[in-house]
Amino acid sequence: MLKRRLKICTSIGVRKIEMLNEKIEEALDLGSDLFEVRVDYLDRINFSIIEEAIKERVDRCILTCRAKSESGEFKGSEEERQKVLLNLSKFKPAYMDVELSLAQNNPDLLSSIKNSEASIILSWHNFEKTPSFQFLKSTLDKAKPLGDIVKIVTMAKDFSDNISILNLYKHSKPNKLIAFCMGDKGQISRILCPILGSPFTYASLPGSSTAPAQIMVKELREIYELLELYY
C-alpha cells in the first residue's frame, strides 16, 4: 500500500464570481485536497468576494492570475495583472502561482509576493509541444532558486513526451516539482506525477476544464483510491 495520500488540486475557472464559493465546495466534496482559483477567468475581479470565498480554507488554496502569454484569460494590461497578483498575495493563501518569466523580469514583485508567506509556485507552460529534455532540465535549474516549487507543463504530441517530462523528477527533491503533460496523450503523466514526487496533480470540475485533457477530480480520486489500496 502507498504510505501517503496522493493529492489533487482542482483548478477552478468560472466566469461568474458569484459562483466561486459554490465551485470550491464542489471540488472539496468530490475529493480534492486543494483548489486553484484562476482569477484570470473571472468576468470581474472583486477582492472582497474572493477573500470571503477562500477565507475558511485559505490553507488549501492556490491563487493565480495567468498571463495571456501562457494561455491566460486576463483581459487587462500586464501592469494591471501584476497588481492583481500582489493584492491576491495579501490573502496569504497556501500557494501563489506566478510565471517563471515574471519572476525573472520583475524580482521586486516576486519579493513582495514572497512577503505574504505563501509558498511560491513558479510555473512555465508550453501549449504547443514538449521541448527536449535538455531544455526542460535547463528551465528547471533556472527556476529552482527563485521559488518554493517549480511547475513545468507541456503539450504531449507523442507518448514519449511523458517520459521526457517525468524524467525531471530525477533532478528534483520530493514535493519541489510539479511536472506533467497536457493533452490526451499526456494524461498518464497527470496521473503518475504525484507518485514520482509531485506534491499534487491538477484536475477539473465537470464541464469546466482549464487545460487540455484535464481529468475530472472525481475520476482521478477513484483512480488514486485504487492505487492506495493495492500498492
Protein backbone atom coordinates (compact mmCIF):
# COMPACT_ATOMS: atom_id res chain seq x y z
CA MET A 1 0.00 0.00 0.00
CA LEU A 2 1.10 3.56 -0.66
CA LYS A 3 2.14 5.26 2.56
CA ARG A 4 0.67 8.64 1.69
CA ARG A 5 -2.46 10.11 0.17
CA LEU A 6 -1.97 11.17 -3.43
CA LYS A 7 -3.12 14.77 -3.54
CA ILE A 8 -5.28 16.52 -6.10
CA CYS A 9 -5.73 20.22 -6.76
CA THR A 10 -8.86 21.17 -8.69
CA SER A 11 -8.43 24.16 -10.95
CA ILE A 12 -11.49 26.41 -10.85
CA GLY A 13 -12.06 28.64 -13.85
CA VAL A 14 -15.51 30.18 -13.54
CA ARG A 15 -16.69 33.33 -15.28
CA LYS A 16 -19.26 34.46 -12.74
CA ILE A 17 -17.55 35.42 -9.50
CA GLU A 18 -20.77 34.73 -7.59
CA MET A 19 -20.30 31.01 -8.36
CA LEU A 20 -16.81 30.83 -6.89
CA ASN A 21 -17.78 29.67 -3.40
CA GLU A 22 -20.13 27.02 -4.80
CA LYS A 23 -17.43 25.60 -7.10
CA ILE A 24 -14.85 25.48 -4.31
CA GLU A 25 -17.29 23.50 -2.17
CA GLU A 26 -18.00 21.15 -5.07
CA ALA A 27 -14.29 20.49 -5.64
CA LEU A 28 -13.64 19.66 -2.00
CA ASP A 29 -16.76 17.50 -1.75
CA LEU A 30 -15.60 15.46 -4.77
CA GLY A 31 -12.31 14.58 -3.10
CA SER A 32 -9.96 17.43 -3.94
CA ASP A 33 -7.28 18.24 -1.38
CA LEU A 34 -6.60 21.73 -2.70
CA PHE A 35 -8.19 24.15 -5.13
CA GLU A 36 -6.71 26.67 -7.52
CA VAL A 37 -8.66 29.85 -8.25
CA ARG A 38 -7.93 31.02 -11.78
CA VAL A 39 -8.68 34.68 -11.17
CA ASP A 40 -7.98 35.49 -14.83
CA TYR A 41 -11.16 33.58 -15.77
CA LEU A 42 -13.45 35.80 -13.71
CA ASP A 43 -15.66 38.23 -15.61
CA ARG A 44 -14.89 40.80 -12.93
CA ILE A 45 -12.43 40.84 -10.07
CA ASN A 46 -13.81 41.72 -6.67
CA PHE A 47 -11.24 41.14 -3.98
CA SER A 48 -13.79 41.14 -1.16
CA ILE A 49 -15.78 38.32 -2.77
CA ILE A 50 -12.61 36.31 -3.46
CA GLU A 51 -11.42 36.75 0.11
CA GLU A 52 -14.79 35.68 1.50
CA ALA A 53 -14.84 32.57 -0.71
CA ILE A 54 -11.41 31.33 0.39
CA LYS A 55 -11.07 32.56 3.96
CA GLU A 56 -12.27 29.37 5.68
CA ARG A 57 -9.92 27.19 3.59
CA VAL A 58 -7.06 29.51 2.76
CA ASP A 59 -4.62 26.77 3.76
CA ARG A 60 -5.88 24.67 0.83
CA CYS A 61 -5.89 27.46 -1.73
CA ILE A 62 -3.73 28.34 -4.72
CA LEU A 63 -4.28 31.75 -6.28
CA THR A 64 -3.13 32.77 -9.72
CA CYS A 65 -3.95 35.21 -12.50
CA ARG A 66 -2.43 33.64 -15.58
CA ALA A 67 -0.71 35.75 -18.24
CA LYS A 68 -2.02 35.77 -21.81
CA SER A 69 1.40 34.60 -22.98
CA GLU A 70 0.74 31.31 -21.18
CA SER A 71 -2.88 30.95 -22.33
CA GLY A 72 -4.35 33.01 -19.52
CA GLU A 73 -7.68 34.78 -19.82
CA PHE A 74 -6.89 38.12 -18.14
CA LYS A 75 -8.18 40.98 -20.28
CA GLY A 76 -6.29 43.87 -18.72
CA SER A 77 -2.73 45.05 -19.16
CA GLU A 78 0.29 43.23 -17.79
CA GLU A 79 0.77 46.00 -15.24
CA GLU A 80 -2.81 45.53 -14.05
CA ARG A 81 -2.32 41.76 -13.84
CA GLN A 82 0.74 42.15 -11.67
CA LYS A 83 -1.20 44.41 -9.31
CA VAL A 84 -3.87 41.72 -9.09
CA LEU A 85 -1.26 39.13 -8.14
CA LEU A 86 0.13 41.40 -5.44
CA ASN A 87 -3.33 42.03 -4.00
CA LEU A 88 -4.16 38.32 -4.05
CA SER A 89 -0.99 37.51 -2.14
CA LYS A 90 -2.24 39.66 0.75
CA PHE A 91 -4.87 36.99 1.47
CA LYS A 92 -1.98 34.67 2.46
CA PRO A 93 -3.07 31.59 0.53
CA ALA A 94 -1.14 28.35 0.84
CA TYR A 95 0.35 28.98 -2.61
CA MET A 96 0.75 31.78 -5.12
CA ASP A 97 1.38 30.67 -8.69
CA VAL A 98 3.41 33.11 -10.79
CA GLU A 99 5.13 32.63 -14.13
CA LEU A 100 8.85 31.98 -14.22
CA SER A 101 9.18 34.79 -16.76
CA LEU A 102 7.60 37.26 -14.35
CA ALA A 103 9.93 36.16 -11.55
CA GLN A 104 12.93 36.66 -13.81
CA ASN A 105 11.80 40.03 -15.18
CA ASN A 106 10.34 41.55 -12.02
CA PRO A 107 12.26 40.38 -8.95
CA ASP A 108 10.86 43.21 -6.83
CA LEU A 109 7.30 41.99 -7.41
CA LEU A 110 8.35 38.43 -6.65
CA SER A 111 9.92 39.62 -3.41
CA SER A 112 6.73 41.45 -2.44
CA ILE A 113 4.61 38.36 -3.13
CA LYS A 114 7.01 36.24 -1.08
CA ASN A 115 6.44 38.55 1.87
CA SER A 116 2.88 37.25 2.03
CA GLU A 117 4.33 34.00 3.43
CA ALA A 118 2.60 31.97 0.70
CA SER A 119 4.68 29.27 -0.92
CA ILE A 120 5.66 30.32 -4.43
CA ILE A 121 4.90 28.05 -7.39
CA LEU A 122 6.98 29.19 -10.36
CA SER A 123 5.22 27.97 -13.48
CA TRP A 124 6.30 27.54 -17.07
CA HIS A 125 3.95 26.29 -19.80
CA ASN A 126 4.28 25.30 -23.43
CA PHE A 127 0.88 24.68 -25.03
CA GLU A 128 2.36 23.72 -28.40
CA LYS A 129 4.83 20.91 -27.71
CA THR A 130 7.23 19.26 -25.27
CA PRO A 131 10.76 20.60 -25.81
CA SER A 132 13.87 18.48 -25.46
CA PHE A 133 14.76 17.08 -22.07
CA GLN A 134 17.87 19.28 -22.04
CA PHE A 135 15.72 22.39 -22.44
CA LEU A 136 13.29 21.22 -19.74
CA LYS A 137 16.16 20.49 -17.35
CA SER A 138 17.65 23.93 -18.03
CA THR A 139 14.28 25.55 -17.28
CA LEU A 140 14.05 23.61 -14.03
CA ASP A 141 17.54 24.68 -13.00
CA LYS A 142 16.78 28.35 -13.71
CA ALA A 143 13.58 28.25 -11.66
CA LYS A 144 14.78 26.30 -8.61
CA PRO A 145 16.49 29.21 -6.81
CA LEU A 146 13.57 31.60 -7.32
CA GLY A 147 10.62 29.82 -5.69
CA ASP A 148 9.48 27.01 -3.46
CA ILE A 149 8.02 24.73 -6.15
CA VAL A 150 8.72 24.64 -9.89
CA LYS A 151 5.84 23.81 -12.23
CA ILE A 152 6.66 22.72 -15.79
CA VAL A 153 3.74 21.79 -18.03
CA THR A 154 3.94 20.99 -21.74
CA MET A 155 1.79 19.61 -24.54
CA ALA A 156 2.25 15.94 -25.36
CA LYS A 157 2.43 15.33 -29.10
CA ASP A 158 3.67 11.80 -28.63
CA PHE A 159 3.52 9.32 -25.76
CA SER A 160 7.30 9.59 -25.34
CA ASP A 161 6.83 13.21 -24.25
CA ASN A 162 5.53 11.83 -20.95
CA ILE A 163 8.88 10.12 -20.41
CA SER A 164 10.77 13.37 -21.01
CA ILE A 165 8.66 15.35 -18.56
CA LEU A 166 8.58 12.66 -15.86
CA ASN A 167 12.36 12.23 -16.04
CA LEU A 168 12.62 15.69 -14.47
CA TYR A 169 11.70 14.16 -11.11
CA LYS A 170 15.15 12.53 -11.03
CA HIS A 171 16.58 16.06 -10.77
CA SER A 172 14.35 17.48 -8.05
CA LYS A 173 13.75 16.90 -4.37
CA PRO A 174 10.35 15.42 -3.40
CA ASN A 175 7.50 17.96 -3.31
CA LYS A 176 9.59 20.62 -5.09
CA LEU A 177 8.46 19.94 -8.67
CA ILE A 178 5.12 19.68 -10.47
CA ALA A 179 5.71 18.40 -14.00
CA PHE A 180 3.30 16.72 -16.40
CA CYS A 181 1.99 16.87 -19.96
CA MET A 182 -1.29 18.25 -21.26
CA GLY A 183 -3.43 16.74 -23.99
CA ASP A 184 -4.94 13.29 -24.43
CA LYS A 185 -1.52 11.71 -24.90
CA GLY A 186 -0.29 13.31 -21.69
CA GLN A 187 -2.94 12.12 -19.26
CA ILE A 188 -0.75 9.32 -17.93
CA SER A 189 1.78 11.87 -16.65
CA ARG A 190 -1.00 13.75 -14.84
CA ILE A 191 -1.87 10.53 -13.03
CA LEU A 192 1.70 9.45 -12.27
CA CYS A 193 3.33 12.71 -11.23
CA PRO A 194 2.35 12.62 -7.51
CA ILE A 195 3.66 9.06 -7.28
CA LEU A 196 7.03 10.23 -8.63
CA GLY A 197 7.39 13.20 -6.29
CA SER A 198 4.97 15.99 -7.18
CA PRO A 199 3.18 17.45 -4.14
CA PHE A 200 -0.10 17.16 -6.07
CA THR A 201 -1.58 16.97 -9.55
CA TYR A 202 -4.34 19.01 -11.18
CA ALA A 203 -7.90 18.05 -12.05
CA SER A 204 -11.08 19.79 -13.19
CA LEU A 205 -14.73 20.04 -12.34
CA PRO A 206 -17.29 18.63 -14.79
CA GLY A 207 -17.66 20.94 -17.76
CA SER A 208 -15.05 23.48 -16.67
CA SER A 209 -11.60 22.33 -17.76
CA THR A 210 -8.84 24.96 -17.60
CA ALA A 211 -6.29 22.97 -19.65
CA PRO A 212 -6.41 20.41 -22.46
CA ALA A 213 -7.49 16.90 -21.39
CA GLN A 214 -7.69 17.58 -17.66
CA ILE A 215 -9.16 14.64 -15.76
CA MET A 216 -12.22 15.26 -13.62
CA VAL A 217 -11.49 15.27 -9.91
CA LYS A 218 -13.99 12.52 -9.05
CA GLU A 219 -12.47 10.11 -11.56
CA LEU A 220 -8.91 10.93 -10.53
CA ARG A 221 -9.73 10.40 -6.86
CA GLU A 222 -11.21 6.99 -7.69
CA ILE A 223 -8.01 6.02 -9.53
CA TYR A 224 -5.88 7.08 -6.57
CA GLU A 225 -8.06 5.21 -4.11
CA LEU A 226 -7.36 2.05 -6.11
CA LEU A 227 -3.63 2.75 -6.12
CA GLU A 228 -3.60 3.47 -2.40
CA LEU A 229 -5.42 0.21 -1.77
CA TYR A 230 -3.29 -2.13 -3.86
CA TYR A 231 0.22 -0.64 -3.94
